[in-house]
Amino acid sequence: MYGSSIGSVVATYIAFKLPIERAQALIQKYLSFQAILPTFDFMSVTNAFATKGVGTMDQFEKQVLSLFDDAGIDMRAKTLSEASMPLYVVASNLTDGTPTVFSKKIRVLDALKASCCVPGAFRPYELYGKAYIDGDILLPSITSILPSVDPETLILVLPKRRQCKLTPRQIETMSPIDYIREIHTLKVRVGHIVCKNDQTLMLRYPKLESSSDLAEFDVEDVLRSAGGQLNRFLFSERADQERAD
């Protein structure tokens, strides 16, 4: 199980075999963008120029622990090796300038905080003397670091929303956090396009993005739509294979 950015939390939840029927409600309850952000005030924003982030990952850690506590597992001292299946978490290593894949004896909380450290909103997360930020920054597609991808593997991606037009006037009127989100969105969207291959299914639903509040959507309709896209994708792949044979 591989995960990057907020996907690392989902991957961890699945890898520890927690009740999948509660995953949606728990993530929606504890990990909305607003719930994990540090406190914004004049002092924190002013200090961000020096610290390269408005706040630490403390609020994110609190919310993640609450999520897993609610799911019935204490993650405070857990390591990635304790998951029920091999678990790998990706972060962007600013010190070495490369993606880093955490596994084995790395503490789950350390891996998740490094992987989900949105630049600008959070200060780079320091671990073992190196600085880490959001895994999507240097690695928008995990498949690009795998030695090989089994032809039976299906890669599912929920695209980030289309970024707004960042004209000079638009930038002037944006809040700092909105500006950071737009830059991050652009970076990830471009990366998804570059890394997309024949095994990638881009799941799309009107106005739904990876940071959306699912309470605002008809979840059953979202799942029906996703199922239809998946069936069409598999049928197309099967037809292509039959023609090739």
C-alpha atoms as a PDB file:
ATOM      1  CA  MET A   1       0.000   0.000   0.000  1.00  0.00           C
ATOM      2  CA  TYR A   2       1.506   3.303  -1.135  1.00  0.00           C
ATOM      3  CA  GLY A   3       0.319   6.754  -0.113  1.00  0.00           C
ATOM      4  CA  SER A   4       1.364  10.355  -0.674  1.00  0.00           C
ATOM      5  CA  SER A   5       0.063  13.600   0.850  1.00  0.00           C
ATOM      6  CA  ILE A   6      -3.462  13.143   2.243  1.00  0.00           C
ATOM      7  CA  GLY A   7      -3.540   9.798   0.428  1.00  0.00           C
ATOM      8  CA  SER A   8      -0.946   8.576   2.932  1.00  0.00           C
ATOM      9  CA  VAL A   9      -3.549   8.822   5.704  1.00  0.00           C
ATOM     10  CA  VAL A  10      -6.031   6.826   3.638  1.00  0.00           C
ATOM     11  CA  ALA A  11      -3.357   4.231   2.800  1.00  0.00           C
ATOM     12  CA  THR A  12      -2.457   3.936   6.494  1.00  0.00           C
ATOM     13  CA  TYR A  13      -6.111   3.484   7.462  1.00  0.00           C
ATOM     14  CA  ILE A  14      -6.483   0.665   4.933  1.00  0.00           C
ATOM     15  CA  ALA A  15      -3.110  -0.943   5.705  1.00  0.00           C
ATOM     16  CA  PHE A  16      -4.009  -1.262   9.395  1.00  0.00           C
ATOM     17  CA  LYS A  17      -7.276  -2.962   8.342  1.00  0.00           C
ATOM     18  CA  LEU A  18      -9.538  -0.498  10.101  1.00  0.00           C
ATOM     19  CA  PRO A  19     -13.319  -0.606   9.450  1.00  0.00           C
ATOM     20  CA  ILE A  20     -13.624   0.562   5.853  1.00  0.00           C
ATOM     21  CA  GLU A  21     -17.320   1.381   6.255  1.00  0.00           C
ATOM     22  CA  ARG A  22     -16.346   4.194   8.674  1.00  0.00           C
ATOM     23  CA  ALA A  23     -13.459   5.616   6.646  1.00  0.00           C
ATOM     24  CA  GLN A  24     -15.483   8.211   4.767  1.00  0.00           C
ATOM     25  CA  ALA A  25     -17.182   9.624   7.861  1.00  0.00           C
ATOM     26  CA  LEU A  26     -13.963   9.733   9.911  1.00  0.00           C
ATOM     27  CA  ILE A  27     -11.892  11.437   7.236  1.00  0.00           C
ATOM     28  CA  GLN A  28     -14.674  13.910   6.591  1.00  0.00           C
ATOM     29  CA  LYS A  29     -14.967  14.630  10.327  1.00  0.00           C
ATOM     30  CA  TYR A  30     -11.312  15.043  11.235  1.00  0.00           C
ATOM     31  CA  LEU A  31      -9.309  15.895   8.119  1.00  0.00           C
ATOM     32  CA  SER A  32     -11.058  18.749   6.350  1.00  0.00           C
ATOM     33  CA  PHE A  33      -8.574  21.350   5.149  1.00  0.00           C
ATOM     34  CA  GLN A  34      -9.908  23.821   7.700  1.00  0.00           C
ATOM     35  CA  ALA A  35      -9.572  21.324  10.571  1.00  0.00           C
ATOM     36  CA  ILE A  36      -5.873  20.602  10.030  1.00  0.00           C
ATOM     37  CA  LEU A  37      -4.638  24.134   9.340  1.00  0.00           C
ATOM     38  CA  PRO A  38      -2.570  25.978  11.945  1.00  0.00           C
ATOM     39  CA  THR A  39      -3.977  29.149  13.511  1.00  0.00           C
ATOM     40  CA  PHE A  40      -3.608  32.178  11.270  1.00  0.00           C
ATOM     41  CA  ASP A  41      -2.942  35.506  12.968  1.00  0.00           C
ATOM     42  CA  PHE A  42      -0.791  38.552  12.302  1.00  0.00           C
ATOM     43  CA  MET A  43       2.209  37.194  14.194  1.00  0.00           C
ATOM     44  CA  SER A  44       2.183  33.718  12.599  1.00  0.00           C
ATOM     45  CA  VAL A  45       1.825  35.114   9.091  1.00  0.00           C
ATOM     46  CA  THR A  46       4.607  37.652   9.735  1.00  0.00           C
ATOM     47  CA  ASN A  47       6.899  34.942  11.107  1.00  0.00           C
ATOM     48  CA  ALA A  48       6.154  32.733   8.089  1.00  0.00           C
ATOM     49  CA  PHE A  49       8.678  34.695   6.044  1.00  0.00           C
ATOM     50  CA  ALA A  50      11.428  33.357   8.314  1.00  0.00           C
ATOM     51  CA  THR A  51       9.991  29.950   9.207  1.00  0.00           C
ATOM     52  CA  LYS A  52       8.709  29.253   5.651  1.00  0.00           C
ATOM     53  CA  GLY A  53       5.322  28.267   6.992  1.00  0.00           C
ATOM     54  CA  VAL A  54       2.495  29.714   9.063  1.00  0.00           C
ATOM     55  CA  GLY A  55       2.559  26.984  11.696  1.00  0.00           C
ATOM     56  CA  THR A  56       3.773  23.562  12.759  1.00  0.00           C
ATOM     57  CA  MET A  57       2.126  20.204  12.101  1.00  0.00           C
ATOM     58  CA  ASP A  58       0.759  20.075  15.671  1.00  0.00           C
ATOM     59  CA  GLN A  59      -2.885  20.632  14.690  1.00  0.00           C
ATOM     60  CA  PHE A  60      -2.598  18.075  11.884  1.00  0.00           C
ATOM     61  CA  GLU A  61      -1.143  15.526  14.339  1.00  0.00           C
ATOM     62  CA  LYS A  62      -3.962  16.174  16.804  1.00  0.00           C
ATOM     63  CA  GLN A  63      -6.608  15.570  14.135  1.00  0.00           C
ATOM     64  CA  VAL A  64      -4.916  12.429  12.806  1.00  0.00           C
ATOM     65  CA  LEU A  65      -4.658  10.947  16.295  1.00  0.00           C
ATOM     66  CA  SER A  66      -8.324  11.752  16.934  1.00  0.00           C
ATOM     67  CA  LEU A  67      -9.283  10.019  13.679  1.00  0.00           C
ATOM     68  CA  PHE A  68      -7.416   6.822  14.527  1.00  0.00           C
ATOM     69  CA  ASP A  69      -8.549   6.921  18.168  1.00  0.00           C
ATOM     70  CA  ASP A  70     -12.118   7.076  16.898  1.00  0.00           C
ATOM     71  CA  ALA A  71     -11.371   4.125  14.603  1.00  0.00           C
ATOM     72  CA  GLY A  72     -10.133   2.114  17.573  1.00  0.00           C
ATOM     73  CA  ILE A  73      -6.329   2.226  17.321  1.00  0.00           C
ATOM     74  CA  ASP A  74      -3.703   4.281  19.154  1.00  0.00           C
ATOM     75  CA  MET A  75      -1.202   5.554  16.553  1.00  0.00           C
ATOM     76  CA  ARG A  76       1.047   7.463  18.947  1.00  0.00           C
ATOM     77  CA  ALA A  77       3.855   4.916  18.950  1.00  0.00           C
ATOM     78  CA  LYS A  78       2.993   2.783  15.922  1.00  0.00           C
ATOM     79  CA  THR A  79       5.551   2.234  13.168  1.00  0.00           C
ATOM     80  CA  LEU A  80       4.855   1.554   9.505  1.00  0.00           C
ATOM     81  CA  SER A  81       6.084  -2.016   9.965  1.00  0.00           C
ATOM     82  CA  GLU A  82       3.187  -2.736  12.333  1.00  0.00           C
ATOM     83  CA  ALA A  83       0.591  -2.365   9.571  1.00  0.00           C
ATOM     84  CA  SER A  84      -1.182  -5.527   8.423  1.00  0.00           C
ATOM     85  CA  MET A  85       0.257  -5.155   4.918  1.00  0.00           C
ATOM     86  CA  PRO A  86       3.435  -3.520   3.564  1.00  0.00           C
ATOM     87  CA  LEU A  87       2.959   0.255   3.924  1.00  0.00           C
ATOM     88  CA  TYR A  88       4.986   2.938   2.156  1.00  0.00           C
ATOM     89  CA  VAL A  89       4.576   6.688   2.656  1.00  0.00           C
ATOM     90  CA  VAL A  90       6.083   9.248   0.273  1.00  0.00           C
ATOM     91  CA  ALA A  91       7.352  12.722   1.200  1.00  0.00           C
ATOM     92  CA  SER A  92       9.364  15.375  -0.652  1.00  0.00           C
ATOM     93  CA  ASN A  93      12.886  15.606   0.779  1.00  0.00           C
ATOM     94  CA  LEU A  94      14.013  19.241   0.420  1.00  0.00           C
ATOM     95  CA  THR A  95      17.464  18.508   1.855  1.00  0.00           C
ATOM     96  CA  ASP A  96      18.342  15.929  -0.796  1.00  0.00           C
ATOM     97  CA  GLY A  97      16.024  17.301  -3.484  1.00  0.00           C
ATOM     98  CA  THR A  98      14.399  13.915  -4.060  1.00  0.00           C
ATOM     99  CA  PRO A  99      11.262  11.990  -3.078  1.00  0.00           C
ATOM    100  CA  THR A 100      11.680   9.817   0.025  1.00  0.00           C
ATOM    101  CA  VAL A 101       9.769   6.605   0.659  1.00  0.00           C
ATOM    102  CA  PHE A 102       9.279   5.842   4.359  1.00  0.00           C
ATOM    103  CA  SER A 103       8.719   2.260   5.506  1.00  0.00           C
ATOM    104  CA  LYS A 104       9.495  -0.295   8.210  1.00  0.00           C
ATOM    105  CA  LYS A 105      10.550   1.216  11.567  1.00  0.00           C
ATOM    106  CA  ILE A 106       9.638   4.833  10.780  1.00  0.00           C
ATOM    107  CA  ARG A 107       6.965   6.125  13.155  1.00  0.00           C
ATOM    108  CA  VAL A 108       3.589   6.431  11.420  1.00  0.00           C
ATOM    109  CA  LEU A 109       3.034   9.964  12.732  1.00  0.00           C
ATOM    110  CA  ASP A 110       6.427  11.146  11.470  1.00  0.00           C
ATOM    111  CA  ALA A 111       5.792   9.699   8.022  1.00  0.00           C
ATOM    112  CA  LEU A 112       2.298  11.201   7.777  1.00  0.00           C
ATOM    113  CA  LYS A 113       3.393  14.651   8.955  1.00  0.00           C
ATOM    114  CA  ALA A 114       6.248  14.718   6.451  1.00  0.00           C
ATOM    115  CA  SER A 115       4.021  13.526   3.607  1.00  0.00           C
ATOM    116  CA  CYS A 116       1.166  15.971   4.343  1.00  0.00           C
ATOM    117  CA  CYS A 117       3.253  19.086   5.062  1.00  0.00           C
ATOM    118  CA  VAL A 118       1.652  21.568   2.631  1.00  0.00           C
ATOM    119  CA  PRO A 119       4.314  24.195   1.835  1.00  0.00           C
ATOM    120  CA  GLY A 120       3.522  27.671   3.093  1.00  0.00           C
ATOM    121  CA  ALA A 121       0.715  26.539   5.370  1.00  0.00           C
ATOM    122  CA  PHE A 122       3.103  24.408   7.433  1.00  0.00           C
ATOM    123  CA  ARG A 123       6.765  24.831   8.209  1.00  0.00           C
ATOM    124  CA  PRO A 124       8.904  22.099   6.605  1.00  0.00           C
ATOM    125  CA  TYR A 125       8.803  19.032   8.817  1.00  0.00           C
ATOM    126  CA  GLU A 126      12.211  18.099  10.209  1.00  0.00           C
ATOM    127  CA  LEU A 127      13.046  14.418  10.594  1.00  0.00           C
ATOM    128  CA  TYR A 128      16.520  12.977  11.158  1.00  0.00           C
ATOM    129  CA  GLY A 129      18.119  16.313  10.312  1.00  0.00           C
ATOM    130  CA  LYS A 130      16.345  16.709   6.972  1.00  0.00           C
ATOM    131  CA  ALA A 131      13.453  18.916   5.859  1.00  0.00           C
ATOM    132  CA  TYR A 132      10.323  17.429   4.277  1.00  0.00           C
ATOM    133  CA  ILE A 133       7.212  18.833   2.609  1.00  0.00           C
ATOM    134  CA  ASP A 134       4.115  17.412   0.916  1.00  0.00           C
ATOM    135  CA  GLY A 135       4.830  14.231  -1.037  1.00  0.00           C
ATOM    136  CA  ASP A 136       2.970  15.467  -4.117  1.00  0.00           C
ATOM    137  CA  ILE A 137       5.451  18.309  -4.678  1.00  0.00           C
ATOM    138  CA  LEU A 138       8.330  16.153  -5.919  1.00  0.00           C
ATOM    139  CA  LEU A 139       6.309  13.041  -6.717  1.00  0.00           C
ATOM    140  CA  PRO A 140       2.807  13.638  -8.106  1.00  0.00           C
ATOM    141  CA  SER A 141       2.633  10.000  -9.279  1.00  0.00           C
ATOM    142  CA  ILE A 142       3.958   7.212  -7.061  1.00  0.00           C
ATOM    143  CA  THR A 143       4.260   4.881 -10.064  1.00  0.00           C
ATOM    144  CA  SER A 144       7.239   6.874 -11.339  1.00  0.00           C
ATOM    145  CA  ILE A 145       9.454   5.534  -8.516  1.00  0.00           C
ATOM    146  CA  LEU A 146       8.358   1.907  -8.662  1.00  0.00           C
ATOM    147  CA  PRO A 147      10.794  -0.477 -10.370  1.00  0.00           C
ATOM    148  CA  SER A 148       7.839  -1.935 -12.263  1.00  0.00           C
ATOM    149  CA  VAL A 149       4.054  -1.792 -12.265  1.00  0.00           C
ATOM    150  CA  ASP A 150       2.164  -5.049 -12.651  1.00  0.00           C
ATOM    151  CA  PRO A 151      -0.022  -4.899 -15.773  1.00  0.00           C
ATOM    152  CA  GLU A 152      -2.980  -5.946 -13.617  1.00  0.00           C
ATOM    153  CA  THR A 153      -2.520  -2.894 -11.369  1.00  0.00           C
ATOM    154  CA  LEU A 154      -5.095  -0.120 -11.703  1.00  0.00           C
ATOM    155  CA  ILE A 155      -4.045   3.359 -10.618  1.00  0.00           C
ATOM    156  CA  LEU A 156      -6.958   5.496  -9.421  1.00  0.00           C
ATOM    157  CA  VAL A 157      -6.571   9.267  -9.267  1.00  0.00           C
ATOM    158  CA  LEU A 158      -9.036  11.912  -8.107  1.00  0.00           C
ATOM    159  CA  PRO A 159      -7.808  14.997  -9.962  1.00  0.00           C
ATOM    160  CA  LYS A 160      -7.272  18.246  -8.127  1.00  0.00           C
ATOM    161  CA  ARG A 161      -9.691  20.963  -9.139  1.00  0.00           C
ATOM    162  CA  ARG A 162      -8.815  23.189 -12.083  1.00  0.00           C
ATOM    163  CA  GLN A 163      -6.831  26.125 -10.746  1.00  0.00           C
ATOM    164  CA  CYS A 164      -8.083  29.678 -11.186  1.00  0.00           C
ATOM    165  CA  LYS A 165      -6.326  32.019 -13.619  1.00  0.00           C
ATOM    166  CA  LEU A 166      -3.451  33.468 -11.635  1.00  0.00           C
ATOM    167  CA  THR A 167      -3.285  36.867 -13.261  1.00  0.00           C
ATOM    168  CA  PRO A 168      -1.329  39.591 -11.428  1.00  0.00           C
ATOM    169  CA  ARG A 169      -4.622  41.165 -10.342  1.00  0.00           C
ATOM    170  CA  GLN A 170      -5.982  37.818  -9.164  1.00  0.00           C
ATOM    171  CA  ILE A 171      -2.864  37.178  -7.074  1.00  0.00           C
ATOM    172  CA  GLU A 172      -3.142  40.603  -5.427  1.00  0.00           C
ATOM    173  CA  THR A 173      -6.656  39.880  -4.164  1.00  0.00           C
ATOM    174  CA  MET A 174      -6.061  36.290  -3.020  1.00  0.00           C
ATOM    175  CA  SER A 175      -5.441  35.315   0.575  1.00  0.00           C
ATOM    176  CA  PRO A 176      -2.003  33.763   1.214  1.00  0.00           C
ATOM    177  CA  ILE A 177      -3.515  30.348   1.897  1.00  0.00           C
ATOM    178  CA  ASP A 178      -5.592  30.427  -1.308  1.00  0.00           C
ATOM    179  CA  TYR A 179      -2.472  31.383  -3.241  1.00  0.00           C
ATOM    180  CA  ILE A 180      -0.567  28.453  -1.729  1.00  0.00           C
ATOM    181  CA  ARG A 181      -3.410  26.058  -2.544  1.00  0.00           C
ATOM    182  CA  GLU A 182      -3.568  27.210  -6.152  1.00  0.00           C
ATOM    183  CA  ILE A 183       0.178  26.745  -6.658  1.00  0.00           C
ATOM    184  CA  HIS A 184       0.008  23.297  -5.057  1.00  0.00           C
ATOM    185  CA  THR A 185      -3.008  22.362  -7.179  1.00  0.00           C
ATOM    186  CA  LEU A 186      -1.265  23.442 -10.369  1.00  0.00           C
ATOM    187  CA  LYS A 187       1.866  21.474  -9.497  1.00  0.00           C
ATOM    188  CA  VAL A 188      -0.060  18.275  -8.779  1.00  0.00           C
ATOM    189  CA  ARG A 189      -2.344  18.564 -11.828  1.00  0.00           C
ATOM    190  CA  VAL A 190       0.592  19.010 -14.170  1.00  0.00           C
ATOM    191  CA  GLY A 191       2.340  16.060 -12.528  1.00  0.00           C
ATOM    192  CA  HIS A 192      -0.707  13.833 -12.963  1.00  0.00           C
ATOM    193  CA  ILE A 193      -0.840  14.679 -16.654  1.00  0.00           C
ATOM    194  CA  VAL A 194       2.868  14.008 -17.169  1.00  0.00           C
ATOM    195  CA  CYS A 195       2.829  10.703 -15.267  1.00  0.00           C
ATOM    196  CA  LYS A 196      -0.470   9.362 -16.606  1.00  0.00           C
ATOM    197  CA  ASN A 197      -0.252   6.035 -18.434  1.00  0.00           C
ATOM    198  CA  ASP A 198      -2.569   3.358 -19.818  1.00  0.00           C
ATOM    199  CA  GLN A 199      -3.189   1.964 -16.313  1.00  0.00           C
ATOM    200  CA  THR A 200      -4.354   5.286 -14.877  1.00  0.00           C
ATOM    201  CA  LEU A 201      -8.054   6.009 -14.413  1.00  0.00           C
ATOM    202  CA  MET A 202      -8.791   9.663 -13.659  1.00  0.00           C
ATOM    203  CA  LEU A 203     -12.035   9.616 -11.671  1.00  0.00           C
ATOM    204  CA  ARG A 204     -14.046  12.798 -12.204  1.00  0.00           C
ATOM    205  CA  TYR A 205     -17.287  14.105 -10.738  1.00  0.00           C
ATOM    206  CA  PRO A 206     -18.681  17.635 -11.184  1.00  0.00           C
ATOM    207  CA  LYS A 207     -17.155  20.056  -8.656  1.00  0.00           C
ATOM    208  CA  LEU A 208     -15.711  17.214  -6.540  1.00  0.00           C
ATOM    209  CA  GLU A 209     -12.030  17.487  -5.655  1.00  0.00           C
ATOM    210  CA  SER A 210      -9.695  15.792  -3.206  1.00  0.00           C
ATOM    211  CA  SER A 211     -10.266  18.462  -0.527  1.00  0.00           C
ATOM    212  CA  SER A 212     -14.062  18.692  -0.917  1.00  0.00           C
ATOM    213  CA  ASP A 213     -16.521  18.238   1.928  1.00  0.00           C
ATOM    214  CA  LEU A 214     -18.402  15.060   1.011  1.00  0.00           C
ATOM    215  CA  ALA A 215     -21.374  16.220   3.074  1.00  0.00           C
ATOM    216  CA  GLU A 216     -22.142  18.595   0.203  1.00  0.00           C
ATOM    217  CA  PHE A 217     -22.470  15.750  -2.324  1.00  0.00           C
ATOM    218  CA  ASP A 218     -24.767  12.827  -3.012  1.00  0.00           C
ATOM    219  CA  VAL A 219     -22.246  10.117  -2.144  1.00  0.00           C
ATOM    220  CA  GLU A 220     -24.327   7.302  -3.655  1.00  0.00           C
ATOM    221  CA  ASP A 221     -24.411   9.160  -6.972  1.00  0.00           C
ATOM    222  CA  VAL A 222     -20.656   9.777  -6.761  1.00  0.00           C
ATOM    223  CA  LEU A 223     -20.071   6.038  -6.295  1.00  0.00           C
ATOM    224  CA  ARG A 224     -22.428   5.148  -9.149  1.00  0.00           C
ATOM    225  CA  SER A 225     -20.585   7.571 -11.401  1.00  0.00           C
ATOM    226  CA  ALA A 226     -17.198   6.166 -10.364  1.00  0.00           C
ATOM    227  CA  GLY A 227     -18.441   2.611 -10.944  1.00  0.00           C
ATOM    228  CA  GLY A 228     -19.594   3.541 -14.426  1.00  0.00           C
ATOM    229  CA  GLN A 229     -16.248   5.134 -15.264  1.00  0.00           C
ATOM    230  CA  LEU A 230     -14.418   2.082 -13.942  1.00  0.00           C
ATOM    231  CA  ASN A 231     -16.562  -0.324 -15.970  1.00  0.00           C
ATOM    232  CA  ARG A 232     -16.039   1.693 -19.153  1.00  0.00           C
ATOM    233  CA  PHE A 233     -12.307   1.796 -18.483  1.00  0.00           C
ATOM    234  CA  LEU A 234     -12.049  -1.962 -17.904  1.00  0.00           C
ATOM    235  CA  PHE A 235     -14.202  -2.742 -20.951  1.00  0.00           C
ATOM    236  CA  SER A 236     -12.009  -0.511 -23.120  1.00  0.00           C
ATOM    237  CA  GLU A 237      -8.830  -2.160 -21.803  1.00  0.00           C
ATOM    238  CA  ARG A 238     -10.299  -5.631 -22.347  1.00  0.00           C
ATOM    239  CA  ALA A 239     -11.336  -4.747 -25.897  1.00  0.00           C
ATOM    240  CA  ASP A 240      -7.868  -3.388 -26.667  1.00  0.00           C
ATOM    241  CA  GLN A 241      -6.290  -6.581 -25.325  1.00  0.00           C
ATOM    242  CA  GLU A 242      -8.599  -8.785 -27.415  1.00  0.00           C
ATOM    243  CA  ARG A 243      -7.723  -6.808 -30.548  1.00  0.00           C
ATOM    244  CA  ALA A 244      -4.032  -7.174 -29.730  1.00  0.00           C
ATOM    245  CA  ASP A 245      -4.424 -10.944 -29.311  1.00  0.00           C
END
